[in-house]
Protein backbone atom coordinates (compact mmCIF):
# COMPACT_ATOMS: atom_id res chain seq x y z
CA MET A 1 -0.09 19.47 16.34
CA MET A 2 -0.72 16.21 15.59
CA SER A 3 0.70 14.12 12.26
CA PHE A 4 -1.63 12.76 10.35
CA ILE A 5 0.37 9.36 11.30
CA GLU A 6 2.06 8.87 14.19
CA LEU A 7 4.16 5.87 14.88
CA ARG A 8 5.08 6.02 18.32
CA ASN A 9 7.94 2.91 19.78
CA ILE A 10 6.84 0.48 17.27
CA LYS A 11 7.91 -3.24 18.23
CA LYS A 12 6.68 -6.58 16.50
CA GLU A 13 8.20 -9.73 18.01
CA PHE A 14 7.92 -13.20 16.87
CA LYS A 15 9.05 -15.91 18.93
CA ILE A 16 10.80 -18.97 16.76
CA GLY A 17 11.11 -21.67 18.95
CA GLU A 18 12.98 -20.90 22.25
CA ASN A 19 14.23 -17.32 20.69
CA ILE A 20 12.77 -14.06 20.44
CA VAL A 21 13.03 -12.08 16.57
CA LYS A 22 12.63 -8.49 16.67
CA ALA A 23 11.14 -7.69 13.52
CA LEU A 24 10.61 -4.13 14.38
CA ASP A 25 12.32 -2.58 17.35
CA GLY A 26 11.46 0.79 18.30
CA ILE A 27 9.98 2.87 15.65
CA ASN A 28 9.51 6.33 15.78
CA LEU A 29 7.97 8.22 12.47
CA SER A 30 5.34 10.77 11.49
CA VAL A 31 4.17 11.27 8.27
CA GLU A 32 2.22 14.42 7.06
CA LYS A 33 -1.38 14.23 5.11
CA LYS A 34 -0.45 14.12 1.13
CA GLU A 35 3.10 12.91 1.79
CA PHE A 36 4.83 10.41 -0.48
CA ILE A 37 7.24 8.28 1.22
CA SER A 38 9.56 5.57 0.16
CA ILE A 39 10.87 2.98 3.24
CA THR A 40 13.25 0.99 1.96
CA GLY A 41 15.87 -1.81 3.54
CA ARG A 42 17.30 -5.23 2.75
CA SER A 43 15.16 -8.13 2.87
CA GLY A 44 14.49 -8.74 6.90
CA SER A 45 14.57 -5.35 7.25
CA GLY A 46 10.98 -4.81 8.91
CA LYS A 47 9.71 -2.94 5.82
CA SER A 48 6.54 -5.30 4.77
CA THR A 49 5.97 -5.69 8.44
CA LEU A 50 5.73 -1.93 8.98
CA LEU A 51 3.55 -1.54 5.93
CA ASN A 52 1.19 -4.54 7.40
CA ILE A 53 0.83 -2.99 10.77
CA LEU A 54 0.00 0.51 9.30
CA ALA A 55 -3.03 -1.63 7.28
CA GLY A 56 -3.86 -3.32 10.70
CA LEU A 57 -2.92 -6.80 8.95
CA GLU A 58 -0.93 -7.31 11.77
CA LYS A 59 -0.81 -6.37 15.36
CA SER A 60 2.44 -4.85 16.68
CA THR A 61 3.74 -6.09 20.12
CA ASP A 62 4.13 -2.82 21.93
CA GLY A 63 3.84 0.89 20.67
CA GLU A 64 1.12 3.66 19.29
CA ILE A 65 -0.19 4.04 15.50
CA ILE A 66 -2.10 6.46 15.77
CA ILE A 67 -3.92 7.66 11.86
CA GLU A 68 -6.01 10.57 12.08
CA GLY A 69 -6.53 10.82 16.02
CA GLU A 70 -7.61 7.22 15.89
CA HIS A 71 -5.72 4.63 17.65
CA ILE A 72 -5.45 1.29 15.50
CA GLU A 73 -3.60 -0.74 18.30
CA LYS A 74 -6.85 -0.41 20.42
CA MET A 75 -8.88 -1.93 17.89
CA GLY A 76 -10.31 -5.37 17.54
CA GLU A 77 -10.16 -7.37 14.47
CA GLY A 78 -13.78 -6.06 12.73
CA GLN A 79 -12.77 -2.72 13.82
CA ARG A 80 -9.48 -2.68 12.10
CA ILE A 81 -11.24 -4.56 8.56
CA ARG A 82 -13.76 -1.64 8.73
CA PHE A 83 -11.02 0.84 9.05
CA ARG A 84 -8.76 -0.75 6.30
CA ARG A 85 -11.75 -0.51 4.21
CA GLU A 86 -12.61 2.93 4.45
CA ASN A 87 -9.61 4.70 4.69
CA ILE A 88 -6.66 2.66 2.78
CA GLY A 89 -5.54 1.03 -0.60
CA PHE A 90 -3.42 -1.74 -1.10
CA ILE A 91 -0.70 -2.58 -3.71
CA PHE A 92 1.09 -5.59 -3.69
CA GLN A 93 4.00 -6.64 -5.44
CA SER A 94 2.30 -10.35 -6.63
CA TYR A 95 -0.76 -8.18 -7.76
CA ASN A 96 -3.23 -9.99 -5.84
CA LEU A 97 -5.82 -10.04 -8.43
CA LEU A 98 -8.54 -12.21 -8.48
CA SER A 99 -7.83 -14.53 -11.63
CA GLN A 100 -11.69 -15.92 -12.13
CA TYR A 101 -12.66 -12.24 -12.58
CA THR A 102 -11.70 -9.59 -15.68
CA ALA A 103 -9.81 -6.69 -15.03
CA LEU A 104 -12.95 -4.60 -14.82
CA GLU A 105 -14.15 -6.84 -12.11
CA ASN A 106 -11.34 -6.68 -10.24
CA VAL A 107 -10.94 -2.88 -9.92
CA ALA A 108 -14.44 -3.10 -9.25
CA LEU A 109 -14.68 -5.45 -6.34
CA PRO A 110 -13.85 -2.68 -3.22
CA LEU A 111 -16.93 -0.22 -4.60
CA ALA A 112 -18.84 -4.09 -4.35
CA LEU A 113 -17.54 -4.36 -0.50
CA LYS A 114 -19.19 -0.95 -0.13
CA GLY A 115 -21.97 -1.74 -1.25
CA ILE A 116 -22.02 0.66 -4.40
CA GLU A 117 -24.68 -0.65 -7.03
CA PRO A 118 -23.46 -2.71 -10.25
CA LYS A 119 -24.30 0.01 -12.70
CA GLU A 120 -22.23 2.93 -10.27
CA ARG A 121 -19.38 0.83 -9.68
CA ILE A 122 -18.78 -0.46 -13.36
CA GLU A 123 -19.01 3.22 -14.46
CA LYS A 124 -16.23 4.05 -11.89
CA ALA A 125 -14.40 1.40 -12.52
CA ARG A 126 -13.94 1.78 -16.50
CA GLU A 127 -12.88 5.52 -15.25
CA MET A 128 -9.91 4.39 -13.08
CA MET A 129 -8.80 2.19 -15.54
CA LYS A 130 -9.04 4.93 -18.13
CA GLN A 131 -6.74 6.53 -15.80
CA VAL A 132 -4.22 3.92 -15.27
CA GLY A 133 -4.22 3.28 -19.14
CA ILE A 134 -5.35 0.16 -19.14
CA GLU A 135 -9.18 0.38 -20.40
CA SER A 136 -9.03 -1.49 -23.40
CA HIS A 137 -8.00 -5.02 -21.34
CA GLU A 138 -11.29 -4.42 -19.11
CA ASN A 139 -12.12 -7.93 -20.50
CA HIS A 140 -8.86 -9.61 -20.04
CA LYS A 141 -8.73 -12.22 -17.07
CA PRO A 142 -5.09 -11.83 -15.57
CA ASN A 143 -3.30 -14.49 -17.23
CA GLU A 144 -4.11 -12.81 -20.27
CA MET A 145 -2.37 -9.75 -19.20
CA SER A 146 1.76 -8.83 -18.93
CA GLY A 147 3.28 -7.78 -15.41
CA GLY A 148 2.78 -4.35 -15.90
CA GLN A 149 -0.63 -4.62 -16.97
CA GLN A 150 -1.54 -6.52 -13.99
CA GLN A 151 -0.30 -3.84 -11.55
CA ARG A 152 -1.74 -1.25 -13.08
CA VAL A 153 -5.12 -3.01 -12.85
CA GLY A 154 -3.80 -3.37 -9.11
CA ILE A 155 -2.80 0.52 -9.02
CA ALA A 156 -6.76 0.98 -10.29
CA ARG A 157 -7.92 -1.47 -8.00
CA ALA A 158 -6.42 0.66 -4.86
CA LEU A 159 -7.46 3.91 -5.79
CA ILE A 160 -10.87 3.41 -6.47
CA THR A 161 -12.17 4.46 -3.44
CA VAL A 162 -9.65 7.23 -3.20
CA PRO A 163 -8.53 6.38 0.18
CA ALA A 164 -6.56 8.64 2.44
CA ILE A 165 -4.11 6.49 2.17
CA VAL A 166 -2.14 3.90 -0.09
CA LEU A 167 0.28 1.78 0.84
CA ALA A 168 2.19 0.14 -2.07
CA ASP A 169 4.62 -3.51 -1.17
CA GLU A 170 7.04 -3.69 -3.98
CA PRO A 171 4.85 -2.74 -6.74
CA THR A 172 7.64 -2.96 -8.72
CA GLY A 173 9.59 -5.89 -7.42
CA ASN A 174 8.33 -8.12 -9.75
CA LEU A 175 8.52 -5.91 -13.37
CA ASP A 176 11.53 -4.79 -15.35
CA THR A 177 13.20 -1.34 -15.17
CA LYS A 178 11.38 0.03 -17.96
CA THR A 179 8.22 -1.25 -16.69
CA SER A 180 9.12 -0.12 -13.30
CA ILE A 181 10.02 3.55 -14.19
CA GLU A 182 6.30 3.37 -15.98
CA VAL A 183 4.80 2.27 -12.84
CA MET A 184 6.39 4.62 -10.85
CA GLU A 185 5.45 7.59 -13.15
CA LEU A 186 2.38 6.31 -12.75
CA LEU A 187 1.65 6.26 -9.25
CA ILE A 188 3.81 10.21 -9.00
CA ASN A 189 0.71 10.76 -10.76
CA LEU A 190 -1.80 9.52 -9.22
CA PHE A 191 -0.71 10.68 -5.70
CA LYS A 192 -0.87 14.25 -7.13
CA GLU A 193 -4.25 14.02 -9.07
CA LYS A 194 -5.75 12.00 -6.19
CA GLY A 195 -4.22 13.89 -3.18
CA THR A 196 -3.46 10.62 -0.70
CA THR A 197 -0.86 9.70 1.25
CA PHE A 198 1.64 6.83 -0.18
CA LEU A 199 3.83 4.88 2.08
CA LEU A 200 5.81 2.93 -0.65
CA VAL A 201 8.10 -0.21 0.56
CA SER A 202 11.22 -0.93 -2.07
CA HIS A 203 14.62 -2.27 -2.64
CA ASP A 204 14.38 -0.64 -6.12
CA GLU A 205 16.50 2.60 -6.25
CA VAL A 206 14.28 3.72 -9.38
CA ALA A 207 11.27 4.21 -6.58
CA LYS A 208 13.66 6.41 -4.25
CA ASN A 209 13.98 9.02 -6.97
CA TYR A 210 10.26 9.69 -7.08
CA THR A 211 9.19 9.91 -3.36
CA GLU A 212 9.38 13.08 -1.42
CA ARG A 213 11.35 11.05 1.96
CA THR A 214 13.30 7.78 1.98
CA ILE A 215 13.04 5.65 5.24
CA ASN A 216 15.78 3.54 5.67
CA LEU A 217 15.62 0.49 7.66
CA LEU A 218 17.95 -2.04 9.36
CA ASP A 219 17.63 -4.68 11.57
CA GLY A 220 14.16 -2.91 12.42
CA LYS A 221 15.72 0.35 13.47
CA ILE A 222 14.74 3.25 11.38
CA VAL A 223 18.63 4.02 10.76
CA ASP A 224 18.31 7.23 8.35
CA ILE A 225 15.71 9.35 6.48
CA GLU A 226 16.71 11.31 3.49
């Protein structure tokens, strides 16, 4: 029986001048539904490239990316955008909040993109903000919030559509240790509550303590699975 996510011999190459750089070099990985996995490795190991390929933000040079039976590598750009919008939530290291929008508007944005009516999306955004403990900041813009508060807004935005998969790229990378622990505890609680599949890229040792499996990358290859 096929796993929820199957990566088969994934390769990603970049041409820099006359040189070919292998960002990913034959990645094979199976992820089950409702599993929480961390992907670790030093800078340049291919962690973020792997996440971007899973999200359909980048195309692999070779290999198969199969999510719930669908071959992502065979999709055109429009198909990948639709698939991502319907199935994937993304949490960014740098938060990627829209500076002109309030926290509430940022959280509600994925619902607007899905065509949800304004009243319903505001109600759902308020409920999601309450779940991440940031409801008192709904009218604040990003520059009026701390890094931890902005990341909570980013988490709420990623989860508001209850996606099948959440991809988190260094979600604690810009946070201090105390706030990193708070964010990881929030993520694990939401993971248990929502029943989604989490893949988290991190070089932070704190993150490894919360995930079910840790995939270690080096030079674009999986070198260890803990």
